[in-house]
Amino acid sequence: MFNPYNLLAGFIFGTIGFGAWRYGKTLERWKPVAIGIALMIYPYFFSNPWALWGIGVALIVTLCFHHDE
């Protein structure tokens, strides 16, 4: 559980998730808020480094390409 890569991934994705959450909350958009919450919470449920980094990158890519019209 205390693998350095897991701790690093949790810190990186949690920080990005917090930023996305604040951005979405400021603009009152639900997609960045939901993705930000997911980025902050999911590292607690995965201990496999490949799954942890893969899901994090997928959520960040989703955050980059979300479209609110």
Protein backbone atom coordinates (compact mmCIF):
# COMPACT_ATOMS: atom_id res chain seq x y z
CA MET A 1 0.00 0.00 0.00
CA PHE A 2 2.84 2.42 0.74
CA ASN A 3 4.61 1.91 -2.54
CA PRO A 4 6.35 5.19 -3.51
CA TYR A 5 4.74 5.12 -6.95
CA ASN A 6 1.28 4.79 -5.42
CA LEU A 7 1.94 7.69 -3.06
CA LEU A 8 3.24 9.81 -5.93
CA ALA A 9 0.23 8.95 -8.10
CA GLY A 10 -2.16 9.75 -5.26
CA PHE A 11 -0.50 13.12 -4.70
CA ILE A 12 -0.36 14.06 -8.40
CA PHE A 13 -3.88 12.97 -9.28
CA GLY A 14 -5.31 14.34 -6.03
CA THR A 15 -3.76 17.74 -6.69
CA ILE A 16 -5.04 17.83 -10.27
CA GLY A 17 -8.44 16.63 -9.04
CA PHE A 18 -8.60 19.41 -6.45
CA GLY A 19 -7.80 21.96 -9.15
CA ALA A 20 -10.47 20.53 -11.44
CA TRP A 21 -12.99 20.53 -8.61
CA ARG A 22 -12.29 24.19 -7.81
CA TYR A 23 -12.44 25.13 -11.49
CA GLY A 24 -15.76 23.39 -11.99
CA LYS A 25 -17.22 24.78 -8.79
CA THR A 26 -16.20 28.33 -9.74
CA LEU A 27 -17.78 28.07 -13.19
CA GLU A 28 -20.72 25.99 -11.90
CA ARG A 29 -20.06 23.13 -14.31
CA TRP A 30 -20.76 19.59 -13.17
CA LYS A 31 -18.34 17.66 -15.41
CA PRO A 32 -15.08 19.09 -14.02
CA VAL A 33 -16.50 18.80 -10.51
CA ALA A 34 -17.33 15.11 -11.01
CA ILE A 35 -13.99 14.32 -12.66
CA GLY A 36 -12.14 16.23 -9.94
CA ILE A 37 -13.89 14.29 -7.20
CA ALA A 38 -13.14 11.03 -9.01
CA LEU A 39 -9.47 11.98 -9.31
CA MET A 40 -9.26 12.75 -5.61
CA ILE A 41 -11.05 9.60 -4.43
CA TYR A 42 -10.07 6.72 -6.72
CA PRO A 43 -6.43 6.28 -5.47
CA TYR A 44 -7.82 4.99 -2.18
CA PHE A 45 -9.41 2.00 -3.94
CA PHE A 46 -6.60 0.81 -6.23
CA SER A 47 -3.23 -0.54 -5.14
CA ASN A 48 -2.08 -1.93 -8.50
CA PRO A 49 0.31 0.69 -9.96
CA TRP A 50 -0.71 0.00 -13.57
CA ALA A 51 -4.41 0.43 -12.78
CA LEU A 52 -3.72 3.48 -10.64
CA TRP A 53 -1.74 5.32 -13.30
CA GLY A 54 -3.95 4.12 -16.17
CA ILE A 55 -7.19 5.28 -14.58
CA GLY A 56 -5.60 8.58 -13.55
CA VAL A 57 -4.36 9.32 -17.05
CA ALA A 58 -7.74 8.33 -18.52
CA LEU A 59 -9.55 10.70 -16.14
CA ILE A 60 -7.16 13.54 -16.98
CA VAL A 61 -7.64 12.96 -20.71
CA THR A 62 -11.40 13.00 -20.11
CA LEU A 63 -11.00 16.26 -18.20
CA CYS A 64 -9.00 17.80 -21.05
CA PHE A 65 -11.59 16.86 -23.68
CA HIS A 66 -14.85 17.49 -21.81
CA HIS A 67 -17.27 19.73 -23.64
CA ASP A 68 -19.90 21.83 -21.93
CA GLU A 69 -22.16 23.52 -24.39
